[in-house]
PDB file of N, CA and C in Angstrom:
ATOM      1  N   MET A   1       0.587  -1.385  -0.260  1.00  0.00           N
ATOM      2  CA  MET A   1       0.557   0.225   0.015  1.00  0.00           C
ATOM      3  C   MET A   1       1.198   1.272   0.008  1.00  0.00           C
ATOM      4  N   PRO A   2       0.730   2.173  -0.954  1.00  0.00           N
ATOM      5  CA  PRO A   2       1.580   3.780  -1.113  1.00  0.00           C
ATOM      6  C   PRO A   2       1.198   4.324   0.593  1.00  0.00           C
ATOM      7  N   GLY A   3       2.398   4.897   0.746  1.00  0.00           N
ATOM      8  CA  GLY A   3       2.183   5.989   1.632  1.00  0.00           C
ATOM      9  C   GLY A   3       1.264   7.326   1.394  1.00  0.00           C
ATOM     10  N   ILE A   4       1.189   8.031   2.400  1.00  0.00           N
ATOM     11  CA  ILE A   4       0.427   9.030   2.539  1.00  0.00           C
ATOM     12  C   ILE A   4       1.354  10.344   1.062  1.00  0.00           C
ATOM     13  N   PRO A   5       0.525  10.891   0.437  1.00  0.00           N
ATOM     14  CA  PRO A   5       1.615  11.852  -0.524  1.00  0.00           C
ATOM     15  C   PRO A   5       2.040  12.714   0.575  1.00  0.00           C
ATOM     16  N   GLU A   6       3.073  13.313  -0.023  1.00  0.00           N
ATOM     17  CA  GLU A   6       3.739  14.867   0.280  1.00  0.00           C
ATOM     18  C   GLU A   6       3.837  15.749  -0.589  1.00  0.00           C
ATOM     19  N   VAL A   7       3.929  17.041   0.175  1.00  0.00           N
ATOM     20  CA  VAL A   7       3.906  17.971  -1.033  1.00  0.00           C
ATOM     21  C   VAL A   7       5.011  17.947  -1.794  1.00  0.00           C
ATOM     22  N   ALA A   8       4.982  18.077  -3.211  1.00  0.00           N
ATOM     23  CA  ALA A   8       6.264  18.111  -4.237  1.00  0.00           C
ATOM     24  C   ALA A   8       6.454  19.514  -4.184  1.00  0.00           C
ATOM     25  N   SER A   9       5.644  20.190  -4.383  1.00  0.00           N
ATOM     26  CA  SER A   9       5.706  21.664  -5.018  1.00  0.00           C
ATOM     27  C   SER A   9       4.690  22.827  -4.530  1.00  0.00           C
ATOM     28  N   CYS A  10       5.537  23.754  -4.510  1.00  0.00           N
ATOM     29  CA  CYS A  10       4.314  24.999  -4.090  1.00  0.00           C
ATOM     30  C   CYS A  10       5.405  26.550  -4.938  1.00  0.00           C
ATOM     31  N   PHE A  11       4.091  27.004  -5.623  1.00  0.00           N
ATOM     32  CA  PHE A  11       4.788  28.124  -6.248  1.00  0.00           C
ATOM     33  C   PHE A  11       3.193  29.148  -6.411  1.00  0.00           C
ATOM     34  N   VAL A  12       3.966  30.212  -6.677  1.00  0.00           N
ATOM     35  CA  VAL A  12       2.907  31.573  -7.169  1.00  0.00           C
ATOM     36  C   VAL A  12       3.131  31.673  -8.318  1.00  0.00           C
ATOM     37  N   ASN A  13       2.060  32.259  -9.516  1.00  0.00           N
ATOM     38  CA  ASN A  13       2.516  32.693 -10.035  1.00  0.00           C
ATOM     39  C   ASN A  13       1.204  33.822 -10.642  1.00  0.00           C
ATOM     40  N   PRO A  14       1.651  34.897 -11.335  1.00  0.00           N
ATOM     41  CA  PRO A  14       2.717  35.362 -10.972  1.00  0.00           C
ATOM     42  C   PRO A  14       3.753  35.528  -9.734  1.00  0.00           C
ATOM     43  N   SER A  15       4.955  35.848  -9.540  1.00  0.00           N
ATOM     44  CA  SER A  15       5.061  36.128  -8.263  1.00  0.00           C
ATOM     45  C   SER A  15       5.783  37.267  -8.030  1.00  0.00           C
ATOM     46  N   SER A  16       5.571  38.414  -8.649  1.00  0.00           N
ATOM     47  CA  SER A  16       5.404  39.713  -8.374  1.00  0.00           C
ATOM     48  C   SER A  16       4.132  40.788  -8.777  1.00  0.00           C
ATOM     49  N   ILE A  17       3.420  41.052  -7.760  1.00  0.00           N
ATOM     50  CA  ILE A  17       2.212  42.022  -8.000  1.00  0.00           C
ATOM     51  C   ILE A  17       2.437  43.137  -7.381  1.00  0.00           C
ATOM     52  N   THR A  18       1.462  43.973  -7.921  1.00  0.00           N
ATOM     53  CA  THR A  18       1.301  45.346  -7.200  1.00  0.00           C
ATOM     54  C   THR A  18       0.220  45.223  -6.345  1.00  0.00           C
ATOM     55  N   ILE A  19       0.067  45.879  -5.281  1.00  0.00           N
ATOM     56  CA  ILE A  19      -0.531  45.734  -4.542  1.00  0.00           C
ATOM     57  C   ILE A  19      -2.347  45.922  -4.424  1.00  0.00           C
ATOM     58  N   GLY A  20      -2.995  45.054  -4.293  1.00  0.00           N
ATOM     59  CA  GLY A  20      -4.214  45.229  -4.953  1.00  0.00           C
ATOM     60  C   GLY A  20      -4.835  44.178  -5.945  1.00  0.00           C
ATOM     61  N   GLY A  21      -3.383  43.556  -6.292  1.00  0.00           N
ATOM     62  CA  GLY A  21      -3.492  42.487  -7.752  1.00  0.00           C
ATOM     63  C   GLY A  21      -3.828  41.375  -7.208  1.00  0.00           C
ATOM     64  N   GLY A  22      -3.599  40.625  -7.781  1.00  0.00           N
ATOM     65  CA  GLY A  22      -3.513  38.744  -7.415  1.00  0.00           C
ATOM     66  C   GLY A  22      -3.098  37.735  -7.948  1.00  0.00           C
ATOM     67  N   SER A  23      -3.096  36.362  -7.719  1.00  0.00           N
ATOM     68  CA  SER A  23      -1.637  35.782  -8.174  1.00  0.00           C
ATOM     69  C   SER A  23      -2.078  34.778  -7.688  1.00  0.00           C
ATOM     70  N   ASN A  24      -2.061  33.363  -7.979  1.00  0.00           N
ATOM     71  CA  ASN A  24      -2.171  32.093  -7.958  1.00  0.00           C
ATOM     72  C   ASN A  24      -1.748  31.276  -7.359  1.00  0.00           C
ATOM     73  N   LEU A  25      -1.589  30.614  -6.046  1.00  0.00           N
ATOM     74  CA  LEU A  25      -0.935  29.349  -5.125  1.00  0.00           C
ATOM     75  C   LEU A  25      -1.244  27.903  -5.773  1.00  0.00           C
ATOM     76  N   THR A  26      -0.231  27.456  -6.556  1.00  0.00           N
ATOM     77  CA  THR A  26      -0.765  26.116  -7.072  1.00  0.00           C
ATOM     78  C   THR A  26       0.267  25.191  -5.697  1.00  0.00           C
ATOM     79  N   VAL A  27      -0.413  24.272  -5.403  1.00  0.00           N
ATOM     80  CA  VAL A  27       0.557  22.979  -4.845  1.00  0.00           C
ATOM     81  C   VAL A  27      -0.022  22.248  -5.010  1.00  0.00           C
ATOM     82  N   THR A  28       1.469  21.197  -5.458  1.00  0.00           N
ATOM     83  CA  THR A  28       1.125  19.474  -5.759  1.00  0.00           C
ATOM     84  C   THR A  28       1.453  18.349  -4.831  1.00  0.00           C
ATOM     85  N   LEU A  29       1.364  17.314  -5.126  1.00  0.00           N
ATOM     86  CA  LEU A  29       1.764  16.252  -4.103  1.00  0.00           C
ATOM     87  C   LEU A  29       2.380  15.338  -4.995  1.00  0.00           C
ATOM     88  N   THR A  30       3.336  14.474  -4.184  1.00  0.00           N
ATOM     89  CA  THR A  30       3.973  13.593  -4.554  1.00  0.00           C
ATOM     90  C   THR A  30       3.533  12.307  -5.393  1.00  0.00           C
ATOM     91  N   SER A  31       2.548  12.191  -5.453  1.00  0.00           N
ATOM     92  CA  SER A  31       0.901  11.299  -5.761  1.00  0.00           C
ATOM     93  C   SER A  31      -0.332  11.559  -5.704  1.00  0.00           C
ATOM     94  N   PRO A  32      -0.854  11.011  -6.225  1.00  0.00           N
ATOM     95  CA  PRO A  32      -2.902  11.816  -6.010  1.00  0.00           C
ATOM     96  C   PRO A  32      -3.143  10.969  -4.549  1.00  0.00           C
ATOM     97  N   ALA A  33      -4.216  11.531  -4.286  1.00  0.00           N
ATOM     98  CA  ALA A  33      -4.577  12.165  -3.215  1.00  0.00           C
ATOM     99  C   ALA A  33      -5.474  10.283  -3.113  1.00  0.00           C
ATOM    100  N   PRO A  34      -4.912   9.569  -2.063  1.00  0.00           N
ATOM    101  CA  PRO A  34      -5.868   8.638  -1.467  1.00  0.00           C
ATOM    102  C   PRO A  34      -7.447   8.421  -1.250  1.00  0.00           C
ATOM    103  N   SER A  35      -8.075   7.384  -1.170  1.00  0.00           N
ATOM    104  CA  SER A  35      -9.469   7.486  -0.933  1.00  0.00           C
ATOM    105  C   SER A  35      -9.497   8.202   0.203  1.00  0.00           C
ATOM    106  N   GLY A  36     -10.862   8.891   0.499  1.00  0.00           N
ATOM    107  CA  GLY A  36     -10.695  10.059   1.085  1.00  0.00           C
ATOM    108  C   GLY A  36     -10.321  11.248   1.677  1.00  0.00           C
ATOM    109  N   GLY A  37      -9.660  11.334   0.285  1.00  0.00           N
ATOM    110  CA  GLY A  37      -8.627  12.715   0.210  1.00  0.00           C
ATOM    111  C   GLY A  37      -7.265  13.020   1.171  1.00  0.00           C
ATOM    112  N   ILE A  38      -7.115  13.919   0.963  1.00  0.00           N
ATOM    113  CA  ILE A  38      -6.432  14.509   1.862  1.00  0.00           C
ATOM    114  C   ILE A  38      -6.128  16.332   1.772  1.00  0.00           C
ATOM    115  N   THR A  39      -5.618  16.609   3.688  1.00  0.00           N
ATOM    116  CA  THR A  39      -5.594  18.077   3.391  1.00  0.00           C
ATOM    117  C   THR A  39      -4.034  18.193   3.788  1.00  0.00           C
ATOM    118  N   VAL A  40      -3.919  19.633   3.311  1.00  0.00           N
ATOM    119  CA  VAL A  40      -2.463  19.979   2.624  1.00  0.00           C
ATOM    120  C   VAL A  40      -2.590  21.575   3.596  1.00  0.00           C
ATOM    121  N   SER A  41      -1.605  21.518   5.079  1.00  0.00           N
ATOM    122  CA  SER A  41      -2.045  23.293   5.727  1.00  0.00           C
ATOM    123  C   SER A  41      -1.216  23.998   4.471  1.00  0.00           C
ATOM    124  N   ILE A  42      -1.858  25.600   4.980  1.00  0.00           N
ATOM    125  CA  ILE A  42      -1.019  26.294   4.154  1.00  0.00           C
ATOM    126  C   ILE A  42      -0.728  26.973   5.392  1.00  0.00           C
ATOM    127  N   ASP A  43      -0.019  27.564   5.259  1.00  0.00           N
ATOM    128  CA  ASP A  43       0.788  28.564   6.334  1.00  0.00           C
ATOM    129  C   ASP A  43       1.443  29.572   5.930  1.00  0.00           C
ATOM    130  N   SER A  44       1.354  31.279   6.252  1.00  0.00           N
ATOM    131  CA  SER A  44       1.920  32.088   5.482  1.00  0.00           C
ATOM    132  C   SER A  44       2.560  33.207   6.795  1.00  0.00           C
ATOM    133  N   ASP A  45       2.948  34.354   5.915  1.00  0.00           N
ATOM    134  CA  ASP A  45       3.491  35.390   6.859  1.00  0.00           C
ATOM    135  C   ASP A  45       2.837  36.730   6.268  1.00  0.00           C
ATOM    136  N   SER A  46       1.788  36.796   6.248  1.00  0.00           N
ATOM    137  CA  SER A  46       0.751  37.805   5.564  1.00  0.00           C
ATOM    138  C   SER A  46       0.447  38.456   6.496  1.00  0.00           C
ATOM    139  N   ASP A  47       0.498  38.589   7.530  1.00  0.00           N
ATOM    140  CA  ASP A  47      -0.270  39.333   8.540  1.00  0.00           C
ATOM    141  C   ASP A  47       0.851  40.438   8.816  1.00  0.00           C
ATOM    142  N   GLY A  48       1.220  41.641   8.474  1.00  0.00           N
ATOM    143  CA  GLY A  48       1.868  42.655   8.418  1.00  0.00           C
ATOM    144  C   GLY A  48       1.601  44.203   9.072  1.00  0.00           C
ATOM    145  N   ALA A  49       2.138  44.012  10.589  1.00  0.00           N
ATOM    146  CA  ALA A  49       1.279  45.565  11.158  1.00  0.00           C
ATOM    147  C   ALA A  49       0.031  45.039  11.272  1.00  0.00           C
ATOM    148  N   GLY A  50      -0.056  44.164  11.980  1.00  0.00           N
ATOM    149  CA  GLY A  50      -1.459  43.901  12.142  1.00  0.00           C
ATOM    150  C   GLY A  50      -2.991  43.918  11.056  1.00  0.00           C
ATOM    151  N   GLU A  51      -2.066  44.356   9.408  1.00  0.00           N
ATOM    152  CA  GLU A  51      -3.500  43.978   8.752  1.00  0.00           C
ATOM    153  C   GLU A  51      -2.831  42.570   7.907  1.00  0.00           C
ATOM    154  N   THR A  52      -3.657  42.058   7.576  1.00  0.00           N
ATOM    155  CA  THR A  52      -3.667  40.706   6.367  1.00  0.00           C
ATOM    156  C   THR A  52      -3.487  41.483   5.450  1.00  0.00           C
ATOM    157  N   LEU A  53      -2.344  41.097   4.775  1.00  0.00           N
ATOM    158  CA  LEU A  53      -1.662  41.580   3.260  1.00  0.00           C
ATOM    159  C   LEU A  53      -2.640  40.473   1.857  1.00  0.00           C
ATOM    160  N   VAL A  54      -2.619  39.674   2.700  1.00  0.00           N
ATOM    161  CA  VAL A  54      -3.415  38.214   1.105  1.00  0.00           C
ATOM    162  C   VAL A  54      -4.066  37.330   2.678  1.00  0.00           C
ATOM    163  N   ASN A  55      -5.456  37.391   2.231  1.00  0.00           N
ATOM    164  CA  ASN A  55      -6.153  36.229   3.053  1.00  0.00           C
ATOM    165  C   ASN A  55      -6.186  34.789   2.097  1.00  0.00           C
ATOM    166  N   THR A  56      -5.533  34.116   2.918  1.00  0.00           N
ATOM    167  CA  THR A  56      -5.356  32.598   2.763  1.00  0.00           C
ATOM    168  C   THR A  56      -6.054  31.524   3.092  1.00  0.00           C
ATOM    169  N   PRO A  57      -6.257  30.504   2.655  1.00  0.00           N
ATOM    170  CA  PRO A  57      -7.146  29.597   3.741  1.00  0.00           C
ATOM    171  C   PRO A  57      -6.303  28.659   4.474  1.00  0.00           C
ATOM    172  N   ASP A  58      -6.233  28.255   5.402  1.00  0.00           N
ATOM    173  CA  ASP A  58      -5.823  27.351   6.021  1.00  0.00           C
ATOM    174  C   ASP A  58      -4.912  26.489   5.784  1.00  0.00           C
ATOM    175  N   PHE A  59      -6.268  25.598   4.439  1.00  0.00           N
ATOM    176  CA  PHE A  59      -5.656  24.421   4.369  1.00  0.00           C
ATOM    177  C   PHE A  59      -6.352  24.171   2.722  1.00  0.00           C
ATOM    178  N   ILE A  60      -5.773  23.265   2.001  1.00  0.00           N
ATOM    179  CA  ILE A  60      -6.241  22.994   0.736  1.00  0.00           C
ATOM    180  C   ILE A  60      -6.502  21.088   1.020  1.00  0.00           C
ATOM    181  N   THR A  61      -7.912  21.173   0.443  1.00  0.00           N
ATOM    182  CA  THR A  61      -8.341  19.342   0.515  1.00  0.00           C
ATOM    183  C   THR A  61      -8.526  19.166  -0.738  1.00  0.00           C
ATOM    184  N   PHE A  62      -7.099  17.975  -1.273  1.00  0.00           N
ATOM    185  CA  PHE A  62      -7.474  17.396  -2.303  1.00  0.00           C
ATOM    186  C   PHE A  62      -8.647  16.418  -2.239  1.00  0.00           C
ATOM    187  N   GLN A  63      -9.192  16.057  -3.006  1.00  0.00           N
ATOM    188  CA  GLN A  63      -9.957  14.784  -3.480  1.00  0.00           C
ATOM    189  C   GLN A  63      -9.603  13.632  -3.706  1.00  0.00           C
ATOM    190  N   HIS A  64      -9.732  12.784  -3.720  1.00  0.00           N
ATOM    191  CA  HIS A  64      -9.484  11.599  -4.369  1.00  0.00           C
ATOM    192  C   HIS A  64      -8.664  11.337  -5.592  1.00  0.00           C
ATOM    193  N   GLY A  65      -7.444  10.951  -5.843  1.00  0.00           N
ATOM    194  CA  GLY A  65      -7.156  10.910  -7.180  1.00  0.00           C
ATOM    195  C   GLY A  65      -6.370  12.074  -7.547  1.00  0.00           C
ATOM    196  N   VAL A  66      -6.957  13.375  -7.341  1.00  0.00           N
ATOM    197  CA  VAL A  66      -6.537  14.621  -7.617  1.00  0.00           C
ATOM    198  C   VAL A  66      -4.884  15.066  -6.749  1.00  0.00           C
ATOM    199  N   SER A  67      -3.755  15.471  -7.571  1.00  0.00           N
ATOM    200  CA  SER A  67      -2.481  15.785  -7.088  1.00  0.00           C
ATOM    201  C   SER A  67      -1.885  17.032  -7.419  1.00  0.00           C
ATOM    202  N   ALA A  68      -2.990  17.861  -8.039  1.00  0.00           N
ATOM    203  CA  ALA A  68      -2.679  19.559  -7.704  1.00  0.00           C
ATOM    204  C   ALA A  68      -3.484  20.228  -7.496  1.00  0.00           C
ATOM    205  N   ALA A  69      -3.463  21.517  -7.140  1.00  0.00           N
ATOM    206  CA  ALA A  69      -4.573  22.144  -6.958  1.00  0.00           C
ATOM    207  C   ALA A  69      -4.738  23.767  -6.768  1.00  0.00           C
ATOM    208  N   THR A  70      -4.919  24.990  -7.110  1.00  0.00           N
ATOM    209  CA  THR A  70      -4.902  25.937  -7.487  1.00  0.00           C
ATOM    210  C   THR A  70      -5.602  26.973  -6.719  1.00  0.00           C
ATOM    211  N   ILE A  71      -5.515  27.893  -6.094  1.00  0.00           N
ATOM    212  CA  ILE A  71      -5.958  28.633  -5.581  1.00  0.00           C
ATOM    213  C   ILE A  71      -5.785  29.781  -5.512  1.00  0.00           C
ATOM    214  N   THR A  72      -6.593  31.238  -5.815  1.00  0.00           N
ATOM    215  CA  THR A  72      -6.023  32.280  -5.782  1.00  0.00           C
ATOM    216  C   THR A  72      -5.987  33.228  -4.420  1.00  0.00           C
ATOM    217  N   LEU A  73      -5.052  34.287  -4.674  1.00  0.00           N
ATOM    218  CA  LEU A  73      -4.468  35.274  -3.733  1.00  0.00           C
ATOM    219  C   LEU A  73      -4.899  36.325  -4.128  1.00  0.00           C
ATOM    220  N   GLN A  74      -5.658  37.142  -3.192  1.00  0.00           N
ATOM    221  CA  GLN A  74      -6.025  38.544  -3.668  1.00  0.00           C
ATOM    222  C   GLN A  74      -4.968  39.121  -2.509  1.00  0.00           C
ATOM    223  N   THR A  75      -4.657  40.136  -2.905  1.00  0.00           N
ATOM    224  CA  THR A  75      -3.737  40.946  -1.989  1.00  0.00           C
ATOM    225  C   THR A  75      -4.868  42.199  -1.559  1.00  0.00           C
ATOM    226  N   GLN A  76      -4.585  42.433  -0.115  1.00  0.00           N
ATOM    227  CA  GLN A  76      -5.580  43.538  -0.243  1.00  0.00           C
ATOM    228  C   GLN A  76      -4.835  45.074   0.176  1.00  0.00           C
ATOM    229  N   GLN A  77      -5.764  46.561  -0.252  1.00  0.00           N
ATOM    230  CA  GLN A  77      -5.181  47.475  -0.657  1.00  0.00           C
ATOM    231  C   GLN A  77      -5.020  48.131   0.777  1.00  0.00           C
ATOM    232  N   VAL A  78      -3.867  48.104   1.240  1.00  0.00           N
ATOM    233  CA  VAL A  78      -3.390  48.578   2.272  1.00  0.00           C
ATOM    234  C   VAL A  78      -2.319  49.556   2.489  1.00  0.00           C
ATOM    235  N   ASP A  79      -1.950  50.529   3.603  1.00  0.00           N
ATOM    236  CA  ASP A  79      -0.694  51.480   3.489  1.00  0.00           C
ATOM    237  C   ASP A  79       1.000  50.890   3.796  1.00  0.00           C
ATOM    238  N   GLY A  80       1.815  51.418   3.152  1.00  0.00           N
ATOM    239  CA  GLY A  80       2.604  50.871   3.852  1.00  0.00           C
ATOM    240  C   GLY A  80       3.752  50.401   2.775  1.00  0.00           C
ATOM    241  N   ALA A  81       5.057  49.768   2.988  1.00  0.00           N
ATOM    242  CA  ALA A  81       5.885  49.630   1.664  1.00  0.00           C
ATOM    243  C   ALA A  81       5.968  48.350   1.533  1.00  0.00           C
ATOM    244  N   ALA A  82       6.360  47.863  -0.100  1.00  0.00           N
ATOM    245  CA  ALA A  82       6.814  46.697  -0.410  1.00  0.00           C
ATOM    246  C   ALA A  82       7.084  45.775   0.101  1.00  0.00           C
ATOM    247  N   THR A  83       6.921  44.598  -0.057  1.00  0.00           N
ATOM    248  CA  THR A  83       6.926  43.397   0.957  1.00  0.00           C
ATOM    249  C   THR A  83       6.827  41.644  -0.281  1.00  0.00           C
ATOM    250  N   GLN A  84       7.078  40.995   0.765  1.00  0.00           N
ATOM    251  CA  GLN A  84       7.358  39.891   0.512  1.00  0.00           C
ATOM    252  C   GLN A  84       6.687  38.600   1.478  1.00  0.00           C
ATOM    253  N   ILE A  85       5.736  38.123   0.712  1.00  0.00           N
ATOM    254  CA  ILE A  85       5.059  36.724   1.698  1.00  0.00           C
ATOM    255  C   ILE A  85       5.257  35.561   1.171  1.00  0.00           C
ATOM    256  N   THR A  86       5.692  34.735   2.062  1.00  0.00           N
ATOM    257  CA  THR A  86       6.240  32.937   2.622  1.00  0.00           C
ATOM    258  C   THR A  86       5.292  32.578   2.368  1.00  0.00           C
ATOM    259  N   PHE A  87       4.640  31.289   1.518  1.00  0.00           N
ATOM    260  CA  PHE A  87       3.927  30.386   1.656  1.00  0.00           C
ATOM    261  C   PHE A  87       4.194  29.230   2.177  1.00  0.00           C
ATOM    262  N   ILE A  88       3.976  28.323   3.083  1.00  0.00           N
ATOM    263  CA  ILE A  88       4.479  27.126   3.210  1.00  0.00           C
ATOM    264  C   ILE A  88       3.432  26.024   3.244  1.00  0.00           C
ATOM    265  N   ALA A  89       3.731  24.703   2.321  1.00  0.00           N
ATOM    266  CA  ALA A  89       2.569  24.306   2.130  1.00  0.00           C
ATOM    267  C   ALA A  89       3.470  22.914   2.873  1.00  0.00           C
ATOM    268  N   HIS A  90       2.223  21.815   3.643  1.00  0.00           N
ATOM    269  CA  HIS A  90       2.730  21.096   4.710  1.00  0.00           C
ATOM    270  C   HIS A  90       1.433  19.875   4.471  1.00  0.00           C
ATOM    271  N   VAL A  91       1.804  18.605   4.818  1.00  0.00           N
ATOM    272  CA  VAL A  91       0.878  17.464   5.152  1.00  0.00           C
ATOM    273  C   VAL A  91       1.506  17.415   6.278  1.00  0.00           C
ATOM    274  N   GLY A  92       0.477  17.443   7.689  1.00  0.00           N
ATOM    275  CA  GLY A  92       1.570  17.121   8.747  1.00  0.00           C
ATOM    276  C   GLY A  92       2.282  17.441   8.930  1.00  0.00           C
ATOM    277  N   ASN A  93       3.433  16.606   9.578  1.00  0.00           N
ATOM    278  CA  ASN A  93       4.817  17.001   9.725  1.00  0.00           C
ATOM    279  C   ASN A  93       5.965  16.971   9.080  1.00  0.00           C
ATOM    280  N   GLY A  94       5.018  16.382   7.481  1.00  0.00           N
ATOM    281  CA  GLY A  94       6.148  16.476   6.556  1.00  0.00           C
ATOM    282  C   GLY A  94       6.538  17.432   5.802  1.00  0.00           C
ATOM    283  N   THR A  95       7.176  17.109   4.594  1.00  0.00           N
ATOM    284  CA  THR A  95       8.200  17.632   3.900  1.00  0.00           C
ATOM    285  C   THR A  95       7.205  19.224   3.675  1.00  0.00           C
ATOM    286  N   ARG A  96       8.028  20.691   3.786  1.00  0.00           N
ATOM    287  CA  ARG A  96       7.457  21.196   3.839  1.00  0.00           C
ATOM    288  C   ARG A  96       8.035  22.331   2.552  1.00  0.00           C
ATOM    289  N   ARG A  97       7.198  22.982   1.375  1.00  0.00           N
ATOM    290  CA  ARG A  97       7.514  22.961   0.814  1.00  0.00           C
ATOM    291  C   ARG A  97       7.644  25.021   0.385  1.00  0.00           C
ATOM    292  N   SER A  98       7.784  26.028   0.160  1.00  0.00           N
ATOM    293  CA  SER A  98       7.802  27.280  -0.001  1.00  0.00           C
ATOM    294  C   SER A  98       7.820  28.113  -1.108  1.00  0.00           C
ATOM    295  N   ALA A  99       6.684  28.948  -1.347  1.00  0.00           N
ATOM    296  CA  ALA A  99       6.663  30.001  -2.419  1.00  0.00           C
ATOM    297  C   ALA A  99       6.791  31.659  -1.749  1.00  0.00           C
ATOM    298  N   GLN A 100       7.352  32.377  -2.669  1.00  0.00           N
ATOM    299  CA  GLN A 100       7.633  33.588  -2.351  1.00  0.00           C
ATOM    300  C   GLN A 100       6.379  34.716  -3.216  1.00  0.00           C
ATOM    301  N   LEU A 101       5.828  35.539  -2.453  1.00  0.00           N
ATOM    302  CA  LEU A 101       4.488  36.242  -3.834  1.00  0.00           C
ATOM    303  C   LEU A 101       5.275  37.936  -3.093  1.00  0.00           C
ATOM    304  N   ASN A 102       5.923  38.403  -4.192  1.00  0.00           N
ATOM    305  CA  ASN A 102       6.902  39.750  -3.909  1.00  0.00           C
ATOM    306  C   ASN A 102       5.533  40.649  -4.249  1.00  0.00           C
ATOM    307  N   ILE A 103       5.215  41.682  -3.349  1.00  0.00           N
ATOM    308  CA  ILE A 103       4.280  42.648  -3.342  1.00  0.00           C
ATOM    309  C   ILE A 103       5.113  43.911  -2.895  1.00  0.00           C
ATOM    310  N   SER A 104       4.953  44.291  -4.943  1.00  0.00           N
ATOM    311  CA  SER A 104       5.063  46.341  -4.947  1.00  0.00           C
ATOM    312  C   SER A 104       4.073  47.449  -4.252  1.00  0.00           C
ATOM    313  N   LEU A 105       4.176  48.506  -4.145  1.00  0.00           N
ATOM    314  CA  LEU A 105       3.350  49.562  -3.856  1.00  0.00           C
ATOM    315  C   LEU A 105       2.541  49.949  -5.739  1.00  0.00           C
ATOM    316  N   ALA A 106       1.831  50.136  -5.864  1.00  0.00           N
ATOM    317  CA  ALA A 106       0.922  50.710  -6.790  1.00  0.00           C
ATOM    318  C   ALA A 106       2.064  52.005  -7.136  1.00  0.00           C
ATOM    319  N   ALA A 107       2.030  51.994  -8.747  1.00  0.00           N
ATOM    320  CA  ALA A 107       2.686  53.196  -9.708  1.00  0.00           C
ATOM    321  C   ALA A 107       2.007  54.631  -9.338  1.00  0.00           C
TER     322      ALA A 107
END
């Protein structure tokens, strides 16, 4: 019986946006989700100075047979400086994969 899949990759596209813009976070697994599915936790450091810069779900559920999922990331219009947000995807205490989103101020 195969083991529980782990996170193979985590990336954002585009990886650089202006504040108020959007991007996509894609997570892939090492193999398709087993019967009953699997939950991948999503951690981020998107809270800056008490303001949430990107609303990110705490997890993504992969249904049976699915090995990749994409969610939309939408930045919030806040005052402040350009920043970089790191997203970390993992299954339980397994391998952690990360991706960075660079956010610049609107021109």
